C-alpha atoms as a PDB file:
ATOM      1  CA  MET A   1      85.245 159.337 108.175  1.00  0.00           C
ATOM      2  CA  ARG A   2      81.806 157.845 108.087  1.00  0.00           C
ATOM      3  CA  ARG A   3      80.106 158.101 104.731  1.00  0.00           C
ATOM      4  CA  CYS A   4      76.660 156.907 103.943  1.00  0.00           C
ATOM      5  CA  ILE A   5      75.003 157.055 100.544  1.00  0.00           C
ATOM      6  CA  ALA A   6      71.620 155.471 100.016  1.00  0.00           C
ATOM      7  CA  ALA A   7      68.833 155.752  97.513  1.00  0.00           C
ATOM      8  CA  ALA A   8      66.451 158.621  98.177  1.00  0.00           C
ATOM      9  CA  ALA A   9      62.919 159.310  97.071  1.00  0.00           C
ATOM     10  CA  CYS A  10      62.484 161.813  94.259  1.00  0.00           C
ATOM     11  CA  LEU A  11      61.845 165.387  95.380  1.00  0.00           C
ATOM     12  CA  VAL A  12      60.478 168.175  93.224  1.00  0.00           C
ATOM     13  CA  PHE A  13      63.040 170.668  91.923  1.00  0.00           C
ATOM     14  CA  LEU A  14      61.422 173.579  93.713  1.00  0.00           C
ATOM     15  CA  MET A  15      62.379 172.114  97.066  1.00  0.00           C
ATOM     16  CA  SER A  16      66.019 172.901  96.358  1.00  0.00           C
ATOM     17  CA  ILE A  17      65.116 176.485  95.594  1.00  0.00           C
ATOM     18  CA  ALA A  18      63.268 176.787  98.877  1.00  0.00           C
ATOM     19  CA  ALA A  19      66.200 175.248 100.736  1.00  0.00           C
ATOM     20  CA  TRP A  20      68.749 177.673  99.302  1.00  0.00           C
ATOM     21  CA  GLY A  21      66.413 180.638  99.026  1.00  0.00           C
ATOM     22  CA  ASP A  22      65.455 182.640  95.986  1.00  0.00           C
ATOM     23  CA  VAL A  23      67.386 185.643  94.751  1.00  0.00           C
ATOM     24  CA  THR A  24      65.119 188.552  93.859  1.00  0.00           C
ATOM     25  CA  ILE A  25      66.065 191.790  92.088  1.00  0.00           C
ATOM     26  CA  THR A  26      63.684 194.746  92.440  1.00  0.00           C
ATOM     27  CA  ASP A  27      64.049 197.765  90.158  1.00  0.00           C
ATOM     28  CA  ASP A  28      63.658 201.499  90.873  1.00  0.00           C
ATOM     29  CA  GLN A  29      64.339 201.449  94.588  1.00  0.00           C
ATOM     30  CA  LYS A  30      65.463 204.205  96.937  1.00  0.00           C
ATOM     31  CA  TYR A  31      68.489 203.815  99.167  1.00  0.00           C
ATOM     32  CA  ALA A  32      69.851 206.558 101.462  1.00  0.00           C
ATOM     33  CA  ASN A  33      66.997 208.784 100.201  1.00  0.00           C
ATOM     34  CA  THR A  34      68.383 208.489  96.671  1.00  0.00           C
ATOM     35  CA  SER A  35      66.611 207.031  93.631  1.00  0.00           C
ATOM     36  CA  GLY A  36      67.916 204.752  90.910  1.00  0.00           C
ATOM     37  CA  PHE A  37      68.945 201.676  92.867  1.00  0.00           C
ATOM     38  CA  LEU A  38      68.366 197.988  92.324  1.00  0.00           C
ATOM     39  CA  LYS A  39      67.587 196.010  95.477  1.00  0.00           C
ATOM     40  CA  ILE A  40      68.983 192.485  95.352  1.00  0.00           C
ATOM     41  CA  LYS A  41      67.728 190.205  98.142  1.00  0.00           C
ATOM     42  CA  THR A  42      69.663 187.016  98.919  1.00  0.00           C
ATOM     43  CA  ASP A  43      69.880 184.659 101.885  1.00  0.00           C
ATOM     44  CA  ASN A  44      73.027 186.226 103.351  1.00  0.00           C
ATOM     45  CA  ALA A  45      72.678 189.901 102.399  1.00  0.00           C
ATOM     46  CA  THR A  46      70.663 192.600 100.676  1.00  0.00           C
ATOM     47  CA  TYR A  47      72.601 194.533  98.044  1.00  0.00           C
ATOM     48  CA  TYR A  48      71.806 198.055  96.781  1.00  0.00           C
ATOM     49  CA  TYR A  49      73.273 198.747  93.330  1.00  0.00           C
ATOM     50  CA  HIS A  50      72.988 202.112  91.575  1.00  0.00           C
ATOM     51  CA  LYS A  51      72.194 201.578  87.906  1.00  0.00           C
ATOM     52  CA  LYS A  52      73.779 204.746  86.489  1.00  0.00           C
ATOM     53  CA  ALA A  53      76.784 204.722  88.835  1.00  0.00           C
ATOM     54  CA  GLY A  54      77.631 201.057  88.224  1.00  0.00           C
ATOM     55  CA  MET A  55      78.383 200.340  91.869  1.00  0.00           C
ATOM     56  CA  PHE A  56      76.988 199.175  95.195  1.00  0.00           C
ATOM     57  CA  GLY A  57      76.030 201.831  97.720  1.00  0.00           C
ATOM     58  CA  GLY A  58      74.999 199.355 100.402  1.00  0.00           C
ATOM     59  CA  ILE A  59      75.467 195.726 101.432  1.00  0.00           C
ATOM     60  CA  VAL A  60      73.223 195.012 104.420  1.00  0.00           C
ATOM     61  CA  ASP A  61      73.662 191.855 106.476  1.00  0.00           C
ATOM     62  CA  ASN A  62      70.883 189.919 108.183  1.00  0.00           C
ATOM     63  CA  ASP A  63      71.441 191.928 111.383  1.00  0.00           C
ATOM     64  CA  GLY A  64      70.530 195.094 109.487  1.00  0.00           C
ATOM     65  CA  LYS A  65      74.095 196.449 109.390  1.00  0.00           C
ATOM     66  CA  ASP A  66      75.353 198.140 106.229  1.00  0.00           C
ATOM     67  CA  TRP A  67      78.946 197.285 105.257  1.00  0.00           C
ATOM     68  CA  ILE A  68      79.360 200.156 102.765  1.00  0.00           C
ATOM     69  CA  GLY A  69      77.052 202.921 103.912  1.00  0.00           C
ATOM     70  CA  TRP A  70      77.021 205.273 100.939  1.00  0.00           C
ATOM     71  CA  ASN A  71      75.024 208.434 101.671  1.00  0.00           C
ATOM     72  CA  THR A  72      74.929 212.106 100.675  1.00  0.00           C
ATOM     73  CA  ALA A  73      77.225 213.301 103.472  1.00  0.00           C
ATOM     74  CA  SER A  74      80.513 214.772 102.323  1.00  0.00           C
ATOM     75  CA  ASN A  75      83.493 212.766 101.102  1.00  0.00           C
ATOM     76  CA  GLN A  76      84.589 209.733 103.183  1.00  0.00           C
ATOM     77  CA  ASN A  77      81.540 210.071 105.438  1.00  0.00           C
ATOM     78  CA  GLY A  78      79.216 209.249 102.556  1.00  0.00           C
ATOM     79  CA  LEU A  79      79.805 210.267  98.939  1.00  0.00           C
ATOM     80  CA  TRP A  80      83.143 208.550  98.459  1.00  0.00           C
ATOM     81  CA  ARG A  81      81.912 205.147  99.613  1.00  0.00           C
ATOM     82  CA  GLY A  82      81.081 202.334  97.208  1.00  0.00           C
ATOM     83  CA  LEU A  83      82.116 199.089  95.506  1.00  0.00           C
ATOM     84  CA  PRO A  84      83.736 198.223  93.048  1.00  0.00           C
ATOM     85  CA  LYS A  85      84.171 201.931  92.200  1.00  0.00           C
ATOM     86  CA  PRO A  86      86.803 202.140  89.406  1.00  0.00           C
ATOM     87  CA  TYR A  87      86.526 205.925  89.791  1.00  0.00           C
ATOM     88  CA  PHE A  88      89.653 207.483  88.319  1.00  0.00           C
ATOM     89  CA  ASN A  89      89.713 205.422  85.109  1.00  0.00           C
ATOM     90  CA  TRP A  90      86.188 204.314  84.293  1.00  0.00           C
ATOM     91  CA  LYS A  91      84.502 207.185  86.191  1.00  0.00           C
ATOM     92  CA  TRP A  92      81.990 204.753  87.722  1.00  0.00           C
ATOM     93  CA  HIS A  93      80.891 206.404  90.966  1.00  0.00           C
ATOM     94  CA  LEU A  94      78.021 208.107  92.798  1.00  0.00           C
ATOM     95  CA  GLN A  95      79.859 211.159  94.066  1.00  0.00           C
ATOM     96  CA  ASP A  96      77.553 213.506  92.142  1.00  0.00           C
ATOM     97  CA  LYS A  97      74.565 211.884  93.961  1.00  0.00           C
ATOM     98  CA  THR A  98      72.935 210.907  90.643  1.00  0.00           C
ATOM     99  CA  GLY A  99      75.346 208.624  88.803  1.00  0.00           C
ATOM    100  CA  ASN A 100      74.966 210.818  85.710  1.00  0.00           C
ATOM    101  CA  GLU A 101      78.715 211.460  85.501  1.00  0.00           C
ATOM    102  CA  ALA A 102      79.309 207.723  85.233  1.00  0.00           C
ATOM    103  CA  ASN A 103      76.649 207.353  82.522  1.00  0.00           C
ATOM    104  CA  VAL A 104      76.311 203.597  83.023  1.00  0.00           C
ATOM    105  CA  THR A 105      73.348 201.643  81.668  1.00  0.00           C
ATOM    106  CA  THR A 106      72.389 198.657  83.818  1.00  0.00           C
ATOM    107  CA  THR A 107      70.103 195.906  82.565  1.00  0.00           C
ATOM    108  CA  ILE A 108      68.423 193.191  84.613  1.00  0.00           C
ATOM    109  CA  ASN A 109      69.067 189.898  82.803  1.00  0.00           C
ATOM    110  CA  GLN A 110      67.487 187.593  85.393  1.00  0.00           C
ATOM    111  CA  ALA A 111      65.315 189.068  88.124  1.00  0.00           C
ATOM    112  CA  SER A 112      64.615 186.024  90.290  1.00  0.00           C
ATOM    113  CA  GLY A 113      65.315 182.360  90.859  1.00  0.00           C
ATOM    114  CA  ALA A 114      68.271 180.393  92.181  1.00  0.00           C
ATOM    115  CA  SER A 115      70.421 183.269  90.907  1.00  0.00           C
ATOM    116  CA  GLY A 116      69.996 186.773  89.541  1.00  0.00           C
ATOM    117  CA  LYS A 117      72.049 188.611  86.939  1.00  0.00           C
ATOM    118  CA  ILE A 118      72.628 192.184  85.804  1.00  0.00           C
ATOM    119  CA  THR A 119      74.840 193.832  83.169  1.00  0.00           C
ATOM    120  CA  SER A 120      76.376 197.309  83.426  1.00  0.00           C
ATOM    121  CA  ASP A 121      77.807 199.003  80.331  1.00  0.00           C
ATOM    122  CA  ASP A 122      79.039 202.530  79.570  1.00  0.00           C
ATOM    123  CA  GLY A 123      79.858 201.787  75.926  1.00  0.00           C
ATOM    124  CA  THR A 124      83.554 201.326  76.634  1.00  0.00           C
ATOM    125  CA  ASN A 125      83.589 199.155  79.756  1.00  0.00           C
ATOM    126  CA  LYS A 126      81.173 196.364  80.624  1.00  0.00           C
ATOM    127  CA  VAL A 127      80.650 193.984  83.562  1.00  0.00           C
ATOM    128  CA  THR A 128      78.141 191.391  84.655  1.00  0.00           C
ATOM    129  CA  TRP A 129      77.127 190.687  88.243  1.00  0.00           C
ATOM    130  CA  GLU A 130      75.590 187.335  89.147  1.00  0.00           C
ATOM    131  CA  PHE A 131      73.965 186.967  92.547  1.00  0.00           C
ATOM    132  CA  PHE A 132      73.635 183.747  94.529  1.00  0.00           C
ATOM    133  CA  SER A 133      72.284 183.032  98.004  1.00  0.00           C
ATOM    134  CA  THR A 134      75.769 183.266  99.533  1.00  0.00           C
ATOM    135  CA  HIS A 135      77.754 185.667  97.328  1.00  0.00           C
ATOM    136  CA  ALA A 136      77.891 187.861  94.227  1.00  0.00           C
ATOM    137  CA  THR A 137      80.351 187.542  91.333  1.00  0.00           C
ATOM    138  CA  MET A 138      81.495 190.233  88.903  1.00  0.00           C
ATOM    139  CA  THR A 139      83.024 189.394  85.521  1.00  0.00           C
ATOM    140  CA  VAL A 140      84.699 192.077  83.427  1.00  0.00           C
ATOM    141  CA  VAL A 141      83.310 191.556  79.921  1.00  0.00           C
ATOM    142  CA  LYS A 142      84.968 194.576  78.258  1.00  0.00           C
ATOM    143  CA  ALA A 143      87.702 196.913  79.474  1.00  0.00           C
ATOM    144  CA  GLY A 144      88.453 200.020  77.416  1.00  0.00           C
ATOM    145  CA  GLN A 145      90.603 201.520  80.174  1.00  0.00           C
ATOM    146  CA  SER A 146      92.665 200.154  83.039  1.00  0.00           C
ATOM    147  CA  TYR A 147      90.812 199.608  86.308  1.00  0.00           C
ATOM    148  CA  TYR A 148      90.906 198.286  89.876  1.00  0.00           C
ATOM    149  CA  PHE A 149      88.354 196.631  92.184  1.00  0.00           C
ATOM    150  CA  THR A 150      87.834 198.764  95.276  1.00  0.00           C
ATOM    151  CA  TYR A 151      85.845 198.661  98.522  1.00  0.00           C
ATOM    152  CA  GLU A 152      85.325 202.001 100.279  1.00  0.00           C
ATOM    153  CA  GLY A 153      83.053 201.851 103.276  1.00  0.00           C
ATOM    154  CA  ALA A 154      82.254 201.534 106.954  1.00  0.00           C
ATOM    155  CA  PRO A 155      82.116 197.916 108.232  1.00  0.00           C
ATOM    156  CA  ASN A 156      79.185 196.793 110.351  1.00  0.00           C
ATOM    157  CA  GLY A 157      77.380 200.092 109.882  1.00  0.00           C
ATOM    158  CA  GLN A 158      79.959 202.383 111.495  1.00  0.00           C
ATOM    159  CA  TYR A 159      83.552 203.393 110.863  1.00  0.00           C
ATOM    160  CA  ASP A 160      85.431 202.665 114.077  1.00  0.00           C
ATOM    161  CA  LYS A 161      89.153 202.363 113.467  1.00  0.00           C
ATOM    162  CA  ALA A 162      89.697 200.697 116.865  1.00  0.00           C
ATOM    163  CA  LYS A 163      87.152 197.931 116.105  1.00  0.00           C
ATOM    164  CA  ASN A 164      87.149 197.624 112.293  1.00  0.00           C
ATOM    165  CA  TYR A 165      89.794 195.296 110.882  1.00  0.00           C
ATOM    166  CA  ILE A 166      90.933 193.564 107.716  1.00  0.00           C
ATOM    167  CA  MET A 167      92.544 190.133 107.403  1.00  0.00           C
ATOM    168  CA  MET A 168      94.343 189.038 104.263  1.00  0.00           C
ATOM    169  CA  GLY A 169      93.757 185.467 103.147  1.00  0.00           C
ATOM    170  CA  ASN A 170      97.410 184.544 103.578  1.00  0.00           C
ATOM    171  CA  LYS A 171      97.708 186.106 107.040  1.00  0.00           C
ATOM    172  CA  ASP A 172      96.474 184.877 110.423  1.00  0.00           C
ATOM    173  CA  SER A 173      96.227 188.149 112.321  1.00  0.00           C
ATOM    174  CA  LYS A 174      93.844 191.081 112.196  1.00  0.00           C
ATOM    175  CA  HIS A 175      95.065 194.409 110.865  1.00  0.00           C
ATOM    176  CA  TYR A 176      92.993 197.061 112.599  1.00  0.00           C
ATOM    177  CA  PHE A 177      92.054 200.208 110.702  1.00  0.00           C
ATOM    178  CA  LYS A 178      93.833 202.300 113.371  1.00  0.00           C
ATOM    179  CA  ASP A 179      97.111 200.713 112.271  1.00  0.00           C
ATOM    180  CA  GLY A 180      96.898 202.477 108.901  1.00  0.00           C
ATOM    181  CA  ALA A 181      98.036 201.133 105.544  1.00  0.00           C
ATOM    182  CA  ALA A 182      98.781 197.502 104.690  1.00  0.00           C
ATOM    183  CA  ASN A 183      99.845 197.349 101.071  1.00  0.00           C
ATOM    184  CA  GLY A 184     101.412 194.642  98.905  1.00  0.00           C
ATOM    185  CA  ASP A 185     100.422 191.644  96.831  1.00  0.00           C
ATOM    186  CA  ILE A 186      98.257 189.089  98.657  1.00  0.00           C
ATOM    187  CA  GLY A 187      99.746 185.623  98.291  1.00  0.00           C
ATOM    188  CA  LYS A 188      97.809 182.394  97.856  1.00  0.00           C
ATOM    189  CA  ASN A 189      97.471 179.633 100.423  1.00  0.00           C
ATOM    190  CA  ASP A 190      98.211 175.965  99.779  1.00  0.00           C
ATOM    191  CA  GLY A 191      95.539 174.460  97.570  1.00  0.00           C
ATOM    192  CA  GLU A 192      94.285 177.864  96.401  1.00  0.00           C
ATOM    193  CA  THR A 193      94.604 179.555  93.026  1.00  0.00           C
ATOM    194  CA  TRP A 194      92.996 182.820  94.133  1.00  0.00           C
ATOM    195  CA  GLU A 195      93.764 185.777  96.436  1.00  0.00           C
ATOM    196  CA  TRP A 196      91.365 187.109  99.041  1.00  0.00           C
ATOM    197  CA  ALA A 197      90.718 189.182 102.136  1.00  0.00           C
ATOM    198  CA  PHE A 198      87.864 189.988 104.499  1.00  0.00           C
ATOM    199  CA  ILE A 199      86.850 192.860 106.736  1.00  0.00           C
ATOM    200  CA  GLY A 200      85.171 192.586 110.103  1.00  0.00           C
ATOM    201  CA  ASP A 201      84.327 194.435 113.269  1.00  0.00           C
ATOM    202  CA  ASP A 202      84.901 193.330 116.862  1.00  0.00           C
ATOM    203  CA  GLY A 203      81.231 194.003 117.583  1.00  0.00           C
ATOM    204  CA  SER A 204      79.908 191.778 114.785  1.00  0.00           C
ATOM    205  CA  SER A 205      79.648 188.038 114.164  1.00  0.00           C
ATOM    206  CA  ASN A 206      79.626 188.703 110.395  1.00  0.00           C
ATOM    207  CA  ALA A 207      82.358 189.395 107.857  1.00  0.00           C
ATOM    208  CA  LEU A 208      82.507 190.671 104.287  1.00  0.00           C
ATOM    209  CA  PHE A 209      84.931 188.890 101.967  1.00  0.00           C
ATOM    210  CA  PHE A 210      86.514 189.928  98.678  1.00  0.00           C
ATOM    211  CA  VAL A 211      88.203 187.501  96.302  1.00  0.00           C
ATOM    212  CA  HIS A 212      90.000 187.872  92.998  1.00  0.00           C
ATOM    213  CA  HIS A 213      89.555 184.523  91.258  1.00  0.00           C
ATOM    214  CA  GLU A 214      93.142 184.523  89.990  1.00  0.00           C
ATOM    215  CA  ASP A 215      96.236 184.890  92.126  1.00  0.00           C
ATOM    216  CA  ASP A 216      98.618 187.385  90.507  1.00  0.00           C
ATOM    217  CA  SER A 217     101.594 189.595  91.347  1.00  0.00           C
ATOM    218  CA  LYS A 218      99.658 192.868  91.208  1.00  0.00           C
ATOM    219  CA  VAL A 219      99.651 195.018  94.319  1.00  0.00           C
ATOM    220  CA  GLU A 220      96.696 195.216  96.719  1.00  0.00           C
ATOM    221  CA  ALA A 221      96.099 198.405  98.700  1.00  0.00           C
ATOM    222  CA  PHE A 222      94.522 198.980 102.114  1.00  0.00           C
ATOM    223  CA  GLU A 223      94.089 202.266 103.967  1.00  0.00           C
ATOM    224  CA  GLY A 224      92.494 202.412 107.409  1.00  0.00           C
ATOM    225  CA  THR A 225      93.069 205.986 108.567  1.00  0.00           C
ATOM    226  CA  LYS A 226      94.020 208.078 105.514  1.00  0.00           C
ATOM    227  CA  TYR A 227      90.323 208.655 104.799  1.00  0.00           C
ATOM    228  CA  ASP A 228      89.087 209.043 108.367  1.00  0.00           C
ATOM    229  CA  GLY A 229      85.481 207.916 108.024  1.00  0.00           C
ATOM    230  CA  MET A 230      85.908 204.866 105.784  1.00  0.00           C
ATOM    231  CA  GLY A 231      88.315 202.032 105.088  1.00  0.00           C
ATOM    232  CA  VAL A 232      89.653 201.383 101.582  1.00  0.00           C
ATOM    233  CA  PHE A 233      90.697 198.016 100.157  1.00  0.00           C
ATOM    234  CA  ALA A 234      91.511 197.346  96.515  1.00  0.00           C
ATOM    235  CA  PHE A 235      92.712 194.571  94.257  1.00  0.00           C
ATOM    236  CA  GLY A 236      95.125 195.913  91.649  1.00  0.00           C
ATOM    237  CA  ARG A 237      95.446 199.458  92.939  1.00  0.00           C
ATOM    238  CA  ASP A 238      98.750 201.178  93.627  1.00  0.00           C
ATOM    239  CA  GLY A 239      98.200 204.362  95.617  1.00  0.00           C
ATOM    240  CA  THR A 240      95.228 206.532  94.675  1.00  0.00           C
ATOM    241  CA  LYS A 241      95.100 206.255  90.885  1.00  0.00           C
ATOM    242  CA  GLY A 242      97.379 203.369  89.926  1.00  0.00           C
ATOM    243  CA  ALA A 243      95.023 200.875  88.250  1.00  0.00           C
ATOM    244  CA  LYS A 244      96.806 197.596  87.461  1.00  0.00           C
ATOM    245  CA  PHE A 245      94.113 195.624  85.616  1.00  0.00           C
ATOM    246  CA  SER A 246      93.763 196.212  81.884  1.00  0.00           C
ATOM    247  CA  ASN A 247      92.116 193.127  80.374  1.00  0.00           C
ATOM    248  CA  ALA A 248      88.624 191.708  80.181  1.00  0.00           C
ATOM    249  CA  GLY A 249      87.986 188.335  81.795  1.00  0.00           C
ATOM    250  CA  GLU A 250      88.937 189.204  85.380  1.00  0.00           C
ATOM    251  CA  ILE A 251      86.491 187.794  87.947  1.00  0.00           C
ATOM    252  CA  PHE A 252      85.844 189.010  91.493  1.00  0.00           C
ATOM    253  CA  SER A 253      83.402 187.826  94.175  1.00  0.00           C
ATOM    254  CA  ILE A 254      82.094 189.327  97.404  1.00  0.00           C
ATOM    255  CA  GLY A 255      79.900 187.913 100.139  1.00  0.00           C
ATOM    256  CA  ILE A 256      78.680 188.234 103.707  1.00  0.00           C
ATOM    257  CA  VAL A 257      79.530 185.276 105.961  1.00  0.00           C
ATOM    258  CA  GLY A 258      77.817 184.753 109.313  1.00  0.00           C
ATOM    259  CA  SER A 259      81.114 183.983 111.028  1.00  0.00           C
ATOM    260  CA  THR A 260      84.459 185.593 111.821  1.00  0.00           C
ATOM    261  CA  ASP A 261      86.240 182.224 111.913  1.00  0.00           C
ATOM    262  CA  LYS A 262      88.847 182.406 109.170  1.00  0.00           C
ATOM    263  CA  SER A 263      88.459 178.740 108.198  1.00  0.00           C
ATOM    264  CA  LYS A 264      84.711 179.177 107.660  1.00  0.00           C
ATOM    265  CA  ILE A 265      85.251 182.349 105.659  1.00  0.00           C
ATOM    266  CA  ALA A 266      87.894 180.531 103.607  1.00  0.00           C
ATOM    267  CA  ALA A 267      85.330 177.809 102.839  1.00  0.00           C
ATOM    268  CA  ALA A 268      82.829 180.416 101.656  1.00  0.00           C
ATOM    269  CA  VAL A 269      85.492 182.089  99.531  1.00  0.00           C
ATOM    270  CA  ALA A 270      86.481 178.775  97.970  1.00  0.00           C
ATOM    271  CA  ALA A 271      82.856 177.976  97.194  1.00  0.00           C
ATOM    272  CA  ALA A 272      82.516 181.328  95.426  1.00  0.00           C
ATOM    273  CA  VAL A 273      85.407 180.381  93.150  1.00  0.00           C
ATOM    274  CA  ALA A 274      84.469 176.732  92.791  1.00  0.00           C
ATOM    275  CA  GLY A 275      85.209 176.969  89.086  1.00  0.00           C
ATOM    276  CA  GLU A 276      88.895 177.107  90.002  1.00  0.00           C
ATOM    277  CA  THR A 277      88.763 173.697  91.678  1.00  0.00           C
ATOM    278  CA  GLY A 278      88.308 171.638  88.547  1.00  0.00           C
ATOM    279  CA  ILE A 279      84.508 171.444  88.708  1.00  0.00           C
ATOM    280  CA  LYS A 280      83.914 174.430  86.447  1.00  0.00           C
ATOM    281  CA  GLN A 281      80.262 175.128  85.651  1.00  0.00           C
ATOM    282  CA  SER A 282      79.319 176.175  82.142  1.00  0.00           C
ATOM    283  CA  ALA A 283      76.244 178.147  81.140  1.00  0.00           C
ATOM    284  CA  ALA A 284      74.993 175.179  79.146  1.00  0.00           C
ATOM    285  CA  SER A 285      75.280 172.749  82.028  1.00  0.00           C
ATOM    286  CA  ASN A 286      74.273 174.466  85.223  1.00  0.00           C
ATOM    287  CA  SER A 287      72.010 173.150  87.940  1.00  0.00           C
ATOM    288  CA  ALA A 288      69.227 175.650  87.248  1.00  0.00           C
ATOM    289  CA  ALA A 289      68.914 174.459  83.657  1.00  0.00           C
ATOM    290  CA  LEU A 290      69.340 170.778  84.415  1.00  0.00           C
ATOM    291  CA  GLY A 291      67.604 170.374  87.751  1.00  0.00           C
ATOM    292  CA  VAL A 292      70.328 168.828  89.934  1.00  0.00           C
ATOM    293  CA  ASP A 293      68.401 169.007  93.174  1.00  0.00           C
ATOM    294  CA  VAL A 294      70.182 169.182  96.568  1.00  0.00           C
ATOM    295  CA  VAL A 295      68.235 169.659  99.789  1.00  0.00           C
ATOM    296  CA  ARG A 296      69.516 169.783 103.351  1.00  0.00           C
ATOM    297  CA  ARG A 297      67.597 167.517 105.746  1.00  0.00           C
ATOM    298  CA  GLY A 298      69.060 167.452 109.252  1.00  0.00           C
ATOM    299  CA  ASN A 299      72.595 166.065 108.974  1.00  0.00           C
ATOM    300  CA  GLU A 300      72.023 164.812 105.429  1.00  0.00           C
ATOM    301  CA  LEU A 301      72.106 166.176 101.911  1.00  0.00           C
ATOM    302  CA  VAL A 302      69.456 164.647  99.668  1.00  0.00           C
ATOM    303  CA  VAL A 303      70.555 164.623  96.026  1.00  0.00           C
ATOM    304  CA  ASN A 304      68.210 164.012  93.105  1.00  0.00           C
ATOM    305  CA  THR A 305      68.986 164.178  89.395  1.00  0.00           C
ATOM    306  CA  PRO A 306      66.643 164.021  86.387  1.00  0.00           C
ATOM    307  CA  PHE A 307      68.438 160.951  85.011  1.00  0.00           C
ATOM    308  CA  ASN A 308      66.630 157.612  84.962  1.00  0.00           C
ATOM    309  CA  ASP A 309      69.845 155.630  84.615  1.00  0.00           C
ATOM    310  CA  LYS A 310      72.951 155.789  86.755  1.00  0.00           C
ATOM    311  CA  CYS A 311      75.217 158.801  86.937  1.00  0.00           C
ATOM    312  CA  GLU A 312      78.198 159.554  89.151  1.00  0.00           C
ATOM    313  CA  ILE A 313      77.205 161.727  92.117  1.00  0.00           C
ATOM    314  CA  SER A 314      80.152 163.353  93.913  1.00  0.00           C
ATOM    315  CA  LEU A 315      80.583 165.666  96.886  1.00  0.00           C
ATOM    316  CA  TYR A 316      83.526 168.089  96.793  1.00  0.00           C
ATOM    317  CA  SER A 317      85.100 170.139  99.541  1.00  0.00           C
ATOM    318  CA  PRO A 318      85.552 173.882  98.889  1.00  0.00           C
ATOM    319  CA  ALA A 319      89.183 173.201  97.923  1.00  0.00           C
ATOM    320  CA  GLY A 320      88.100 170.709  95.274  1.00  0.00           C
ATOM    321  CA  LYS A 321      88.817 167.444  97.117  1.00  0.00           C
ATOM    322  CA  GLN A 322      86.383 164.673  96.253  1.00  0.00           C
ATOM    323  CA  LEU A 323      84.855 163.422  99.511  1.00  0.00           C
ATOM    324  CA  VAL A 324      82.112 161.102  98.245  1.00  0.00           C
ATOM    325  CA  SER A 325      81.483 159.391  94.923  1.00  0.00           C
ATOM    326  CA  ARG A 326      78.769 156.882  94.058  1.00  0.00           C
ATOM    327  CA  ALA A 327      77.053 155.706  90.876  1.00  0.00           C
ATOM    328  CA  ALA A 328      73.338 156.323  91.379  1.00  0.00           C
ATOM    329  CA  PRO A 329      70.635 158.608  89.976  1.00  0.00           C
ATOM    330  CA  ASN A 330      69.704 159.763  93.508  1.00  0.00           C
ATOM    331  CA  ALA A 331      71.502 159.680  96.848  1.00  0.00           C
ATOM    332  CA  THR A 332      71.500 160.729 100.482  1.00  0.00           C
ATOM    333  CA  ILE A 333      74.863 161.896 101.831  1.00  0.00           C
ATOM    334  CA  ASP A 334      75.537 161.767 105.558  1.00  0.00           C
ATOM    335  CA  MET A 335      77.366 164.990 106.522  1.00  0.00           C
ATOM    336  CA  SER A 336      77.628 164.388 110.283  1.00  0.00           C
ATOM    337  CA  SER A 337      81.338 163.496 110.255  1.00  0.00           C
ATOM    338  CA  LEU A 338      82.419 166.202 107.800  1.00  0.00           C
ATOM    339  CA  PRO A 339      83.691 169.667 108.780  1.00  0.00           C
ATOM    340  CA  HIS A 340      81.441 172.678 108.387  1.00  0.00           C
ATOM    341  CA  GLY A 341      81.819 174.730 105.249  1.00  0.00           C
ATOM    342  CA  ALA A 342      80.418 175.196 101.766  1.00  0.00           C
ATOM    343  CA  PHE A 343      80.293 172.164  99.469  1.00  0.00           C
ATOM    344  CA  ILE A 344      79.616 171.417  95.814  1.00  0.00           C
ATOM    345  CA  VAL A 345      77.665 168.402  94.512  1.00  0.00           C
ATOM    346  CA  THR A 346      78.258 167.254  90.945  1.00  0.00           C
ATOM    347  CA  ALA A 347      76.444 164.772  88.720  1.00  0.00           C
ATOM    348  CA  THR A 348      78.331 163.304  85.749  1.00  0.00           C
ATOM    349  CA  HIS A 349      76.177 161.725  83.053  1.00  0.00           C
ATOM    350  CA  ASN A 350      77.214 160.614  79.553  1.00  0.00           C
ATOM    351  CA  GLY A 351      80.532 162.412  79.893  1.00  0.00           C
ATOM    352  CA  LYS A 352      79.019 165.759  80.961  1.00  0.00           C
ATOM    353  CA  ARG A 353      79.354 167.115  84.473  1.00  0.00           C
ATOM    354  CA  TYR A 354      76.671 169.293  86.126  1.00  0.00           C
ATOM    355  CA  GLN A 355      77.042 170.949  89.506  1.00  0.00           C
ATOM    356  CA  SER A 356      74.922 172.424  92.245  1.00  0.00           C
ATOM    357  CA  LYS A 357      75.279 175.896  93.656  1.00  0.00           C
ATOM    358  CA  PRO A 358      77.561 176.106  96.746  1.00  0.00           C
ATOM    359  CA  ILE A 359      75.789 174.537  99.729  1.00  0.00           C
ATOM    360  CA  ALA A 360      76.634 175.715 103.252  1.00  0.00           C
ATOM    361  CA  PHE A 361      76.610 172.978 105.912  1.00  0.00           C
END
């Protein structure tokens, strides 16, 4: 493996933002001719989140295809669709077309920048969503009732049980919607501490992944034909109403990947849960606050830190393996001999470690 690290000229912090792309959250938007949505624009997808319902009605990829497709048509053809939709326990849903039955209050905490953040709270249950250029992460802050994390929707803009499929992270074959249910606990792969799956469509080069940041023994549920008009996948759901999560602190991520190659999706999933790899990022030491600046230039990553003296700059694979390490305040990393995927750059200075957002290469 050829590795090259050399001193690099200082670049302004805003260049990293331009390279990754800003996240922007716009309030009071219409989606499917319905008011009350937030529009969250990222590099890989545009999300539509209903503030009173506490759920996504649409996730639109860069080809303009909606992977949920909530609308006002009846049942599985529209009203039942959504994510994460803990309907039977929390009552978070948009099936009344207004979200009033859910009675969720959603606040925008950060509307733009390298990430965006919202909080949804019904007084008993509370979650935060943080949006990045490549994915979105939900953390359960408070759980007054049991719950599950559910996707109900139509992949690639249209339910087609002969073309829509799901693949579990520990499986290597597609399970088409036409083949019906595929229930049971998803196991972890070697080097992983999480459980995940993704849905796709034979007519699309994109995929939508779901990951629970902790591998557990709770059942996962998938239904491809029971609700003819949408597929259903859930972490911690046994049958229709059996919610298996009960505690705060559970973390889930979702994201659109511009590939159906499982290894590339696995890299994106691992980047979304990079905190599980031993390079956990704290609120007090994140790249946005510190200014760890990583810019892609051809086959190189240019890394700049705000430190005048030396620090340890490291490049990690999505699975947490250290690929490059060098003591320098700034560096250029040659990526030409490394596999494609999503990487993390860290800078350790005076005993504190700071990391970049996941960087696709």
